[in-house]
PDB file of N, CA and C in Angstrom:
ATOM      1  N   MET A   1       0.379  -1.050  -0.345  1.00  0.00           N
ATOM      2  CA  MET A   1       0.073   0.182  -0.029  1.00  0.00           C
ATOM      3  C   MET A   1       0.608   1.073   0.192  1.00  0.00           C
ATOM      4  N   ARG A   2       1.966   0.961   1.083  1.00  0.00           N
ATOM      5  CA  ARG A   2       2.977   2.344   0.774  1.00  0.00           C
ATOM      6  C   ARG A   2       3.556   2.985  -0.800  1.00  0.00           C
ATOM      7  N   ALA A   3       3.682   2.117  -1.130  1.00  0.00           N
ATOM      8  CA  ALA A   3       4.178   1.799  -2.263  1.00  0.00           C
ATOM      9  C   ALA A   3       3.591   2.679  -3.277  1.00  0.00           C
ATOM     10  N   LEU A   4       2.061   1.990  -3.366  1.00  0.00           N
ATOM     11  CA  LEU A   4       1.312   2.616  -4.280  1.00  0.00           C
ATOM     12  C   LEU A   4       1.092   4.161  -4.050  1.00  0.00           C
ATOM     13  N   ILE A   5       0.719   4.359  -2.562  1.00  0.00           N
ATOM     14  CA  ILE A   5       0.285   5.619  -2.259  1.00  0.00           C
ATOM     15  C   ILE A   5       2.124   6.537  -2.657  1.00  0.00           C
ATOM     16  N   ALA A   6       3.000   5.786  -2.191  1.00  0.00           N
ATOM     17  CA  ALA A   6       3.960   7.107  -2.934  1.00  0.00           C
ATOM     18  C   ALA A   6       4.239   7.097  -4.783  1.00  0.00           C
ATOM     19  N   THR A   7       3.922   6.010  -5.072  1.00  0.00           N
ATOM     20  CA  THR A   7       3.531   6.371  -6.879  1.00  0.00           C
ATOM     21  C   THR A   7       2.763   7.173  -6.713  1.00  0.00           C
ATOM     22  N   VAL A   8       1.453   7.045  -6.249  1.00  0.00           N
ATOM     23  CA  VAL A   8       0.416   8.322  -6.641  1.00  0.00           C
ATOM     24  C   VAL A   8       1.432   9.278  -6.391  1.00  0.00           C
ATOM     25  N   ILE A   9       1.689   9.641  -5.323  1.00  0.00           N
ATOM     26  CA  ILE A   9       2.280  10.950  -4.943  1.00  0.00           C
ATOM     27  C   ILE A   9       2.856  11.227  -5.840  1.00  0.00           C
ATOM     28  N   LEU A  10       3.954  10.904  -6.327  1.00  0.00           N
ATOM     29  CA  LEU A  10       5.375  11.196  -7.215  1.00  0.00           C
ATOM     30  C   LEU A  10       5.040  10.882  -8.077  1.00  0.00           C
ATOM     31  N   SER A  11       3.858  10.534  -8.967  1.00  0.00           N
ATOM     32  CA  SER A  11       3.496  10.657  -9.970  1.00  0.00           C
ATOM     33  C   SER A  11       2.630  11.524 -10.793  1.00  0.00           C
ATOM     34  N   THR A  12       1.832  11.484  -9.787  1.00  0.00           N
ATOM     35  CA  THR A  12       0.864  12.861 -10.043  1.00  0.00           C
ATOM     36  C   THR A  12       0.999  14.191  -9.573  1.00  0.00           C
ATOM     37  N   CYS A  13       1.674  14.329  -9.385  1.00  0.00           N
ATOM     38  CA  CYS A  13       2.756  15.400  -8.830  1.00  0.00           C
ATOM     39  C   CYS A  13       3.061  16.876  -9.711  1.00  0.00           C
ATOM     40  N   MET A  14       2.463  18.052  -9.436  1.00  0.00           N
ATOM     41  CA  MET A  14       2.987  19.106 -10.447  1.00  0.00           C
ATOM     42  C   MET A  14       4.304  18.726 -11.210  1.00  0.00           C
ATOM     43  N   LEU A  15       4.755  18.720 -12.334  1.00  0.00           N
ATOM     44  CA  LEU A  15       5.548  18.351 -12.978  1.00  0.00           C
ATOM     45  C   LEU A  15       6.253  17.109 -12.710  1.00  0.00           C
ATOM     46  N   GLY A  16       5.404  16.141 -12.162  1.00  0.00           N
ATOM     47  CA  GLY A  16       5.852  14.861 -12.105  1.00  0.00           C
ATOM     48  C   GLY A  16       6.115  14.133 -13.355  1.00  0.00           C
ATOM     49  N   HIS A  17       6.456  14.606 -14.261  1.00  0.00           N
ATOM     50  CA  HIS A  17       7.036  14.015 -15.589  1.00  0.00           C
ATOM     51  C   HIS A  17       8.479  14.132 -15.801  1.00  0.00           C
ATOM     52  N   ALA A  18       8.589  15.557 -15.536  1.00  0.00           N
ATOM     53  CA  ALA A  18       9.772  16.361 -15.575  1.00  0.00           C
ATOM     54  C   ALA A  18      10.771  15.677 -14.401  1.00  0.00           C
ATOM     55  N   PHE A  19      10.312  15.264 -12.984  1.00  0.00           N
ATOM     56  CA  PHE A  19      10.606  15.333 -12.116  1.00  0.00           C
ATOM     57  C   PHE A  19      10.999  13.638 -12.290  1.00  0.00           C
ATOM     58  N   ALA A  20      10.264  12.566 -13.168  1.00  0.00           N
ATOM     59  CA  ALA A  20      10.967  11.242 -13.006  1.00  0.00           C
ATOM     60  C   ALA A  20      12.294  11.473 -14.332  1.00  0.00           C
ATOM     61  N   GLN A  21      12.633  12.338 -15.134  1.00  0.00           N
ATOM     62  CA  GLN A  21      13.438  12.525 -15.813  1.00  0.00           C
ATOM     63  C   GLN A  21      14.409  13.293 -15.637  1.00  0.00           C
ATOM     64  N   THR A  22      14.373  14.191 -15.183  1.00  0.00           N
ATOM     65  CA  THR A  22      15.357  15.368 -14.841  1.00  0.00           C
ATOM     66  C   THR A  22      15.824  15.867 -13.581  1.00  0.00           C
ATOM     67  N   VAL A  23      14.948  15.681 -12.789  1.00  0.00           N
ATOM     68  CA  VAL A  23      15.035  16.019 -11.344  1.00  0.00           C
ATOM     69  C   VAL A  23      15.658  15.323 -10.217  1.00  0.00           C
ATOM     70  N   VAL A  24      17.038  15.634  -9.618  1.00  0.00           N
ATOM     71  CA  VAL A  24      17.723  14.592  -8.764  1.00  0.00           C
ATOM     72  C   VAL A  24      17.286  14.862  -7.656  1.00  0.00           C
ATOM     73  N   SER A  25      16.784  16.489  -7.404  1.00  0.00           N
ATOM     74  CA  SER A  25      16.545  16.409  -5.760  1.00  0.00           C
ATOM     75  C   SER A  25      14.885  16.773  -6.095  1.00  0.00           C
ATOM     76  N   PRO A  26      13.824  16.357  -5.360  1.00  0.00           N
ATOM     77  CA  PRO A  26      12.354  16.952  -5.659  1.00  0.00           C
ATOM     78  C   PRO A  26      12.182  17.910  -4.311  1.00  0.00           C
ATOM     79  N   ASP A  27      13.078  18.514  -4.002  1.00  0.00           N
ATOM     80  CA  ASP A  27      13.093  19.674  -2.828  1.00  0.00           C
ATOM     81  C   ASP A  27      11.820  21.144  -3.664  1.00  0.00           C
ATOM     82  N   GLY A  28      11.002  21.392  -3.012  1.00  0.00           N
ATOM     83  CA  GLY A  28       9.810  21.748  -3.405  1.00  0.00           C
ATOM     84  C   GLY A  28       8.446  22.050  -2.963  1.00  0.00           C
ATOM     85  N   TYR A  29       7.880  22.630  -3.415  1.00  0.00           N
ATOM     86  CA  TYR A  29       5.880  22.758  -3.439  1.00  0.00           C
ATOM     87  C   TYR A  29       5.554  21.817  -4.725  1.00  0.00           C
ATOM     88  N   TRP A  30       5.256  20.773  -4.049  1.00  0.00           N
ATOM     89  CA  TRP A  30       4.364  19.709  -4.855  1.00  0.00           C
ATOM     90  C   TRP A  30       2.787  19.526  -4.959  1.00  0.00           C
ATOM     91  N   LYS A  31       2.153  19.675  -5.981  1.00  0.00           N
ATOM     92  CA  LYS A  31       0.476  19.748  -5.940  1.00  0.00           C
ATOM     93  C   LYS A  31      -0.070  18.151  -6.388  1.00  0.00           C
ATOM     94  N   THR A  32      -0.362  17.420  -5.351  1.00  0.00           N
ATOM     95  CA  THR A  32      -0.998  16.002  -5.369  1.00  0.00           C
ATOM     96  C   THR A  32      -2.567  16.274  -6.237  1.00  0.00           C
ATOM     97  N   VAL A  33      -3.000  15.164  -7.157  1.00  0.00           N
ATOM     98  CA  VAL A  33      -4.207  14.979  -7.446  1.00  0.00           C
ATOM     99  C   VAL A  33      -4.541  13.696  -7.308  1.00  0.00           C
ATOM    100  N   GLY A  34      -5.757  13.652  -7.211  1.00  0.00           N
ATOM    101  CA  GLY A  34      -6.608  12.448  -6.863  1.00  0.00           C
ATOM    102  C   GLY A  34      -6.493  11.445  -7.979  1.00  0.00           C
ATOM    103  N   ASP A  35      -6.370  10.380  -8.161  1.00  0.00           N
ATOM    104  CA  ASP A  35      -5.769   9.304  -8.866  1.00  0.00           C
ATOM    105  C   ASP A  35      -6.649   8.725  -9.802  1.00  0.00           C
ATOM    106  N   VAL A  36      -8.155   8.916  -9.207  1.00  0.00           N
ATOM    107  CA  VAL A  36      -9.382   8.651  -9.857  1.00  0.00           C
ATOM    108  C   VAL A  36     -10.473   9.715 -10.307  1.00  0.00           C
ATOM    109  N   SER A  37     -10.096  11.424  -9.745  1.00  0.00           N
ATOM    110  CA  SER A  37     -10.856  12.076  -9.873  1.00  0.00           C
ATOM    111  C   SER A  37     -10.002  13.117 -10.533  1.00  0.00           C
ATOM    112  N   ASN A  38      -9.004  12.655 -10.518  1.00  0.00           N
ATOM    113  CA  ASN A  38      -7.830  14.058 -11.172  1.00  0.00           C
ATOM    114  C   ASN A  38      -8.183  15.282 -11.028  1.00  0.00           C
ATOM    115  N   VAL A  39      -8.437  15.790  -9.585  1.00  0.00           N
ATOM    116  CA  VAL A  39      -8.657  17.233  -9.284  1.00  0.00           C
ATOM    117  C   VAL A  39      -7.623  17.015  -8.102  1.00  0.00           C
ATOM    118  N   PRO A  40      -7.158  18.567  -7.790  1.00  0.00           N
ATOM    119  CA  PRO A  40      -6.134  19.170  -6.788  1.00  0.00           C
ATOM    120  C   PRO A  40      -6.598  18.319  -5.329  1.00  0.00           C
ATOM    121  N   ARG A  41      -5.734  17.371  -4.712  1.00  0.00           N
ATOM    122  CA  ARG A  41      -5.957  17.154  -3.229  1.00  0.00           C
ATOM    123  C   ARG A  41      -5.254  17.983  -2.397  1.00  0.00           C
ATOM    124  N   SER A  42      -3.902  18.391  -2.481  1.00  0.00           N
ATOM    125  CA  SER A  42      -3.407  19.315  -1.442  1.00  0.00           C
ATOM    126  C   SER A  42      -1.665  19.184  -2.517  1.00  0.00           C
ATOM    127  N   VAL A  43      -1.352  20.456  -1.654  1.00  0.00           N
ATOM    128  CA  VAL A  43      -0.239  20.980  -1.677  1.00  0.00           C
ATOM    129  C   VAL A  43       0.763  20.268  -0.626  1.00  0.00           C
ATOM    130  N   ILE A  44       2.023  19.679  -0.750  1.00  0.00           N
ATOM    131  CA  ILE A  44       2.863  18.851  -0.115  1.00  0.00           C
ATOM    132  C   ILE A  44       4.525  19.741  -0.365  1.00  0.00           C
ATOM    133  N   LYS A  45       5.084  20.055   0.465  1.00  0.00           N
ATOM    134  CA  LYS A  45       6.132  20.461   0.776  1.00  0.00           C
ATOM    135  C   LYS A  45       7.619  19.481   0.990  1.00  0.00           C
ATOM    136  N   MET A  46       8.090  19.262   0.046  1.00  0.00           N
ATOM    137  CA  MET A  46       8.848  17.972   0.098  1.00  0.00           C
ATOM    138  C   MET A  46      10.367  18.502   0.003  1.00  0.00           C
ATOM    139  N   TRP A  47      10.790  18.006   0.916  1.00  0.00           N
ATOM    140  CA  TRP A  47      13.001  18.485   1.321  1.00  0.00           C
ATOM    141  C   TRP A  47      14.047  17.259   1.579  1.00  0.00           C
ATOM    142  N   THR A  48      14.694  17.609   1.421  1.00  0.00           N
ATOM    143  CA  THR A  48      15.797  16.629   1.724  1.00  0.00           C
ATOM    144  C   THR A  48      16.237  17.437   3.104  1.00  0.00           C
ATOM    145  N   GLU A  49      16.770  16.232   3.966  1.00  0.00           N
ATOM    146  CA  GLU A  49      17.683  16.461   5.201  1.00  0.00           C
ATOM    147  C   GLU A  49      18.540  15.680   5.346  1.00  0.00           C
ATOM    148  N   HIS A  50      19.572  15.206   5.711  1.00  0.00           N
ATOM    149  CA  HIS A  50      20.344  14.689   6.191  1.00  0.00           C
ATOM    150  C   HIS A  50      20.536  13.368   4.888  1.00  0.00           C
ATOM    151  N   GLY A  51      19.993  13.877   4.116  1.00  0.00           N
ATOM    152  CA  GLY A  51      20.132  12.689   2.798  1.00  0.00           C
ATOM    153  C   GLY A  51      18.721  11.929   2.789  1.00  0.00           C
ATOM    154  N   GLU A  52      17.827  12.177   3.515  1.00  0.00           N
ATOM    155  CA  GLU A  52      16.484  11.686   3.585  1.00  0.00           C
ATOM    156  C   GLU A  52      15.826  12.774   3.074  1.00  0.00           C
ATOM    157  N   LEU A  53      14.325  12.164   2.466  1.00  0.00           N
ATOM    158  CA  LEU A  53      13.101  13.008   1.551  1.00  0.00           C
ATOM    159  C   LEU A  53      12.079  13.097   2.933  1.00  0.00           C
ATOM    160  N   PHE A  54      11.820  14.160   2.689  1.00  0.00           N
ATOM    161  CA  PHE A  54      10.525  14.196   3.841  1.00  0.00           C
ATOM    162  C   PHE A  54       9.244  15.043   2.733  1.00  0.00           C
ATOM    163  N   GLY A  55       8.156  14.879   3.804  1.00  0.00           N
ATOM    164  CA  GLY A  55       7.367  15.393   2.684  1.00  0.00           C
ATOM    165  C   GLY A  55       5.852  16.142   3.942  1.00  0.00           C
ATOM    166  N   LYS A  56       5.317  17.226   3.642  1.00  0.00           N
ATOM    167  CA  LYS A  56       4.307  17.660   4.459  1.00  0.00           C
ATOM    168  C   LYS A  56       3.098  18.153   4.285  1.00  0.00           C
ATOM    169  N   VAL A  57       1.990  18.295   4.034  1.00  0.00           N
ATOM    170  CA  VAL A  57       1.352  19.097   3.763  1.00  0.00           C
ATOM    171  C   VAL A  57       1.089  20.149   4.142  1.00  0.00           C
ATOM    172  N   MET A  58       1.124  21.417   3.368  1.00  0.00           N
ATOM    173  CA  MET A  58       0.936  22.838   3.136  1.00  0.00           C
ATOM    174  C   MET A  58      -0.454  23.251   3.355  1.00  0.00           C
ATOM    175  N   ASN A  59      -1.169  22.755   2.248  1.00  0.00           N
ATOM    176  CA  ASN A  59      -2.916  23.122   2.168  1.00  0.00           C
ATOM    177  C   ASN A  59      -3.702  21.813   1.468  1.00  0.00           C
ATOM    178  N   GLY A  60      -4.785  21.956   1.647  1.00  0.00           N
ATOM    179  CA  GLY A  60      -5.468  21.037   1.481  1.00  0.00           C
ATOM    180  C   GLY A  60      -6.489  21.590   0.063  1.00  0.00           C
ATOM    181  N   PHE A  61      -7.175  20.849  -0.476  1.00  0.00           N
ATOM    182  CA  PHE A  61      -8.585  21.454  -1.213  1.00  0.00           C
ATOM    183  C   PHE A  61      -9.699  20.100  -0.873  1.00  0.00           C
ATOM    184  N   PRO A  62     -10.716  21.047  -0.987  1.00  0.00           N
ATOM    185  CA  PRO A  62     -12.193  20.434  -0.854  1.00  0.00           C
ATOM    186  C   PRO A  62     -12.364  19.730  -2.521  1.00  0.00           C
ATOM    187  N   VAL A  63     -13.409  18.368  -1.659  1.00  0.00           N
ATOM    188  CA  VAL A  63     -13.871  17.722  -3.171  1.00  0.00           C
ATOM    189  C   VAL A  63     -15.072  17.810  -2.727  1.00  0.00           C
ATOM    190  N   ASN A  64     -15.777  18.304  -4.134  1.00  0.00           N
ATOM    191  CA  ASN A  64     -16.911  18.397  -4.446  1.00  0.00           C
ATOM    192  C   ASN A  64     -17.851  19.620  -3.614  1.00  0.00           C
ATOM    193  N   GLY A  65     -16.960  20.706  -3.094  1.00  0.00           N
ATOM    194  CA  GLY A  65     -17.354  21.754  -2.372  1.00  0.00           C
ATOM    195  C   GLY A  65     -17.801  21.338  -0.742  1.00  0.00           C
ATOM    196  N   GLU A  66     -17.706  20.131  -0.496  1.00  0.00           N
ATOM    197  CA  GLU A  66     -17.259  19.271   0.637  1.00  0.00           C
ATOM    198  C   GLU A  66     -16.157  20.365   1.918  1.00  0.00           C
ATOM    199  N   PRO A  67     -16.751  20.292   2.759  1.00  0.00           N
ATOM    200  CA  PRO A  67     -15.882  21.035   3.440  1.00  0.00           C
ATOM    201  C   PRO A  67     -14.520  20.167   4.259  1.00  0.00           C
ATOM    202  N   LEU A  68     -13.133  20.568   4.113  1.00  0.00           N
ATOM    203  CA  LEU A  68     -12.285  19.604   4.761  1.00  0.00           C
ATOM    204  C   LEU A  68     -12.805  19.391   5.959  1.00  0.00           C
ATOM    205  N   ASN A  69     -11.822  17.905   6.168  1.00  0.00           N
ATOM    206  CA  ASN A  69     -11.520  17.577   7.483  1.00  0.00           C
ATOM    207  C   ASN A  69     -10.404  18.118   8.088  1.00  0.00           C
ATOM    208  N   PRO A  70     -10.227  19.390   8.861  1.00  0.00           N
ATOM    209  CA  PRO A  70      -8.865  19.439   9.135  1.00  0.00           C
ATOM    210  C   PRO A  70      -8.204  18.163  10.369  1.00  0.00           C
ATOM    211  N   TYR A  71      -8.965  17.022  10.539  1.00  0.00           N
ATOM    212  CA  TYR A  71      -8.182  16.385  11.487  1.00  0.00           C
ATOM    213  C   TYR A  71      -8.064  15.112  10.728  1.00  0.00           C
ATOM    214  N   CYS A  72      -7.077  14.182  10.995  1.00  0.00           N
ATOM    215  CA  CYS A  72      -6.303  12.906  10.588  1.00  0.00           C
ATOM    216  C   CYS A  72      -7.131  11.725  11.489  1.00  0.00           C
ATOM    217  N   VAL A  73      -8.993  11.881  11.286  1.00  0.00           N
ATOM    218  CA  VAL A  73      -9.619  11.091  12.070  1.00  0.00           C
ATOM    219  C   VAL A  73      -9.383   9.375  11.560  1.00  0.00           C
ATOM    220  N   ASN A  74      -8.754   8.976  10.035  1.00  0.00           N
ATOM    221  CA  ASN A  74      -8.642   7.787   9.725  1.00  0.00           C
ATOM    222  C   ASN A  74      -7.296   7.348  10.187  1.00  0.00           C
ATOM    223  N   CYS A  75      -6.259   7.901  10.442  1.00  0.00           N
ATOM    224  CA  CYS A  75      -5.140   7.880  11.087  1.00  0.00           C
ATOM    225  C   CYS A  75      -4.933   7.372  12.235  1.00  0.00           C
ATOM    226  N   SER A  76      -3.964   6.206  12.558  1.00  0.00           N
ATOM    227  CA  SER A  76      -3.942   5.540  13.664  1.00  0.00           C
ATOM    228  C   SER A  76      -2.680   6.085  14.525  1.00  0.00           C
ATOM    229  N   GLY A  77      -2.198   5.711  15.779  1.00  0.00           N
ATOM    230  CA  GLY A  77      -1.254   5.668  16.536  1.00  0.00           C
ATOM    231  C   GLY A  77      -1.293   7.332  16.791  1.00  0.00           C
ATOM    232  N   LYS A  78       0.001   7.807  16.728  1.00  0.00           N
ATOM    233  CA  LYS A  78       0.236   9.378  17.380  1.00  0.00           C
ATOM    234  C   LYS A  78      -0.436  10.063  16.229  1.00  0.00           C
ATOM    235  N   PHE A  79      -0.902   9.953  14.799  1.00  0.00           N
ATOM    236  CA  PHE A  79      -0.998  10.526  14.208  1.00  0.00           C
ATOM    237  C   PHE A  79      -2.983  10.959  14.112  1.00  0.00           C
ATOM    238  N   HIS A  80      -3.131  10.020  14.890  1.00  0.00           N
ATOM    239  CA  HIS A  80      -4.387  10.541  15.229  1.00  0.00           C
ATOM    240  C   HIS A  80      -5.381  11.400  15.699  1.00  0.00           C
ATOM    241  N   ASN A  81      -6.137  12.328  14.935  1.00  0.00           N
ATOM    242  CA  ASN A  81      -7.152  13.372  15.274  1.00  0.00           C
ATOM    243  C   ASN A  81      -5.734  14.445  15.516  1.00  0.00           C
ATOM    244  N   LYS A  82      -4.453  14.273  14.375  1.00  0.00           N
ATOM    245  CA  LYS A  82      -3.592  15.329  14.478  1.00  0.00           C
ATOM    246  C   LYS A  82      -4.256  15.945  13.224  1.00  0.00           C
ATOM    247  N   LEU A  83      -3.878  17.623  13.441  1.00  0.00           N
ATOM    248  CA  LEU A  83      -4.245  18.205  11.742  1.00  0.00           C
ATOM    249  C   LEU A  83      -3.621  18.096  11.133  1.00  0.00           C
ATOM    250  N   ILE A  84      -4.263  17.774   9.606  1.00  0.00           N
ATOM    251  CA  ILE A  84      -3.866  17.596   8.697  1.00  0.00           C
ATOM    252  C   ILE A  84      -2.689  18.392   7.959  1.00  0.00           C
ATOM    253  N   VAL A  85      -2.650  19.362   7.896  1.00  0.00           N
ATOM    254  CA  VAL A  85      -2.207  20.824   7.471  1.00  0.00           C
ATOM    255  C   VAL A  85      -1.051  21.201   8.560  1.00  0.00           C
ATOM    256  N   GLY A  86       0.215  20.714   8.324  1.00  0.00           N
ATOM    257  CA  GLY A  86       1.307  20.638   9.115  1.00  0.00           C
ATOM    258  C   GLY A  86       1.533  19.108   9.202  1.00  0.00           C
ATOM    259  N   LEU A  87       1.182  18.438   8.962  1.00  0.00           N
ATOM    260  CA  LEU A  87       1.236  17.120   9.214  1.00  0.00           C
ATOM    261  C   LEU A  87       2.609  16.169   8.422  1.00  0.00           C
ATOM    262  N   THR A  88       3.054  15.939   9.076  1.00  0.00           N
ATOM    263  CA  THR A  88       4.364  15.602   8.035  1.00  0.00           C
ATOM    264  C   THR A  88       3.946  13.830   7.505  1.00  0.00           C
ATOM    265  N   THR A  89       3.718  13.925   6.414  1.00  0.00           N
ATOM    266  CA  THR A  89       3.398  12.257   5.688  1.00  0.00           C
ATOM    267  C   THR A  89       4.016  11.611   4.603  1.00  0.00           C
ATOM    268  N   MET A  90       5.420  12.235   5.031  1.00  0.00           N
ATOM    269  CA  MET A  90       6.366  11.265   4.156  1.00  0.00           C
ATOM    270  C   MET A  90       7.570  11.609   5.205  1.00  0.00           C
ATOM    271  N   TRP A  91       8.391  10.168   5.178  1.00  0.00           N
ATOM    272  CA  TRP A  91       9.693  10.538   5.727  1.00  0.00           C
ATOM    273  C   TRP A  91      10.932   9.397   5.820  1.00  0.00           C
ATOM    274  N   GLY A  92      11.924   9.070   5.957  1.00  0.00           N
ATOM    275  CA  GLY A  92      12.835   7.680   6.286  1.00  0.00           C
ATOM    276  C   GLY A  92      13.187   8.223   4.090  1.00  0.00           C
ATOM    277  N   TYR A  93      12.993   8.550   3.650  1.00  0.00           N
ATOM    278  CA  TYR A  93      13.116   7.762   2.168  1.00  0.00           C
ATOM    279  C   TYR A  93      14.714   8.250   1.760  1.00  0.00           C
ATOM    280  N   ALA A  94      15.596   7.281   1.249  1.00  0.00           N
ATOM    281  CA  ALA A  94      17.139   7.221   0.679  1.00  0.00           C
ATOM    282  C   ALA A  94      17.239   7.547  -0.655  1.00  0.00           C
ATOM    283  N   GLN A  95      17.878   8.267  -1.078  1.00  0.00           N
ATOM    284  CA  GLN A  95      18.146   8.362  -2.564  1.00  0.00           C
ATOM    285  C   GLN A  95      18.894   7.416  -2.678  1.00  0.00           C
ATOM    286  N   ASN A  96      18.455   6.445  -3.978  1.00  0.00           N
ATOM    287  CA  ASN A  96      18.741   5.572  -4.288  1.00  0.00           C
ATOM    288  C   ASN A  96      20.569   5.524  -5.397  1.00  0.00           C
ATOM    289  N   GLN A  97      21.271   5.182  -4.353  1.00  0.00           N
ATOM    290  CA  GLN A  97      22.871   5.550  -4.748  1.00  0.00           C
ATOM    291  C   GLN A  97      23.092   5.091  -6.820  1.00  0.00           C
ATOM    292  N   SER A  98      22.564   3.922  -7.073  1.00  0.00           N
ATOM    293  CA  SER A  98      22.786   3.842  -8.571  1.00  0.00           C
ATOM    294  C   SER A  98      21.746   4.745  -9.364  1.00  0.00           C
ATOM    295  N   ASP A  99      20.547   4.870  -9.023  1.00  0.00           N
ATOM    296  CA  ASP A  99      19.656   6.140  -9.540  1.00  0.00           C
ATOM    297  C   ASP A  99      19.034   7.246  -8.885  1.00  0.00           C
ATOM    298  N   PRO A 100      20.073   8.011  -8.817  1.00  0.00           N
ATOM    299  CA  PRO A 100      19.428   9.716  -7.922  1.00  0.00           C
ATOM    300  C   PRO A 100      17.938  10.228  -8.317  1.00  0.00           C
ATOM    301  N   ASN A 101      17.323   9.643  -9.492  1.00  0.00           N
ATOM    302  CA  ASN A 101      15.745  10.230  -9.708  1.00  0.00           C
ATOM    303  C   ASN A 101      15.112   8.873  -8.747  1.00  0.00           C
ATOM    304  N   GLN A 102      15.327   7.498  -7.622  1.00  0.00           N
ATOM    305  CA  GLN A 102      14.752   7.166  -7.193  1.00  0.00           C
ATOM    306  C   GLN A 102      14.754   7.145  -5.759  1.00  0.00           C
ATOM    307  N   TRP A 103      14.136   7.467  -5.030  1.00  0.00           N
ATOM    308  CA  TRP A 103      14.023   7.566  -3.285  1.00  0.00           C
ATOM    309  C   TRP A 103      13.320   5.842  -3.433  1.00  0.00           C
ATOM    310  N   LEU A 104      14.032   5.210  -2.021  1.00  0.00           N
ATOM    311  CA  LEU A 104      13.680   4.006  -1.138  1.00  0.00           C
ATOM    312  C   LEU A 104      13.615   3.945  -0.136  1.00  0.00           C
ATOM    313  N   SER A 105      12.332   3.069   0.060  1.00  0.00           N
ATOM    314  CA  SER A 105      12.352   2.373   1.877  1.00  0.00           C
ATOM    315  C   SER A 105      12.067   3.744   2.401  1.00  0.00           C
ATOM    316  N   GLY A 106      11.458   4.028   2.233  1.00  0.00           N
ATOM    317  CA  GLY A 106      10.534   5.155   2.977  1.00  0.00           C
ATOM    318  C   GLY A 106       9.367   4.961   3.485  1.00  0.00           C
ATOM    319  N   LYS A 107       8.599   5.728   4.596  1.00  0.00           N
ATOM    320  CA  LYS A 107       7.026   5.289   4.501  1.00  0.00           C
ATOM    321  C   LYS A 107       6.195   6.853   4.164  1.00  0.00           C
ATOM    322  N   ILE A 108       4.961   6.547   4.157  1.00  0.00           N
ATOM    323  CA  ILE A 108       3.987   7.875   3.906  1.00  0.00           C
ATOM    324  C   ILE A 108       2.756   7.042   4.827  1.00  0.00           C
ATOM    325  N   LEU A 109       1.985   8.631   5.457  1.00  0.00           N
ATOM    326  CA  LEU A 109       1.041   7.856   5.864  1.00  0.00           C
ATOM    327  C   LEU A 109      -0.047   9.098   5.058  1.00  0.00           C
ATOM    328  N   ASP A 110      -1.152   8.585   4.627  1.00  0.00           N
ATOM    329  CA  ASP A 110      -2.419   8.738   3.810  1.00  0.00           C
ATOM    330  C   ASP A 110      -3.831   9.225   4.755  1.00  0.00           C
ATOM    331  N   PRO A 111      -3.357  10.403   4.682  1.00  0.00           N
ATOM    332  CA  PRO A 111      -4.854  11.069   5.824  1.00  0.00           C
ATOM    333  C   PRO A 111      -5.643  11.742   5.188  1.00  0.00           C
TER     334      PRO A 111
END
């Protein structure tokens, strides 16, 4: 499931095609879109720190005019009922030494 979520986030991010071909560092702000609806879902700030890739939710977009739920009610453990905006949802990815366009072995939280 984590690999699927990572694939969705990284492949549906704004400029995702260019990222996969030319960008070694994904640092910056990325817009995610729904894999089925193809509508904007969130803005994620991605950054590298000490060789690890991280991502944090900076903004969310309502779907079909419904209000956003600001809390991660479906999350478990320490993430349950945390504010989604500002929540670190990607961590621990290490850059593949043989292909710098790949990031491996991290975790993704799907709020």
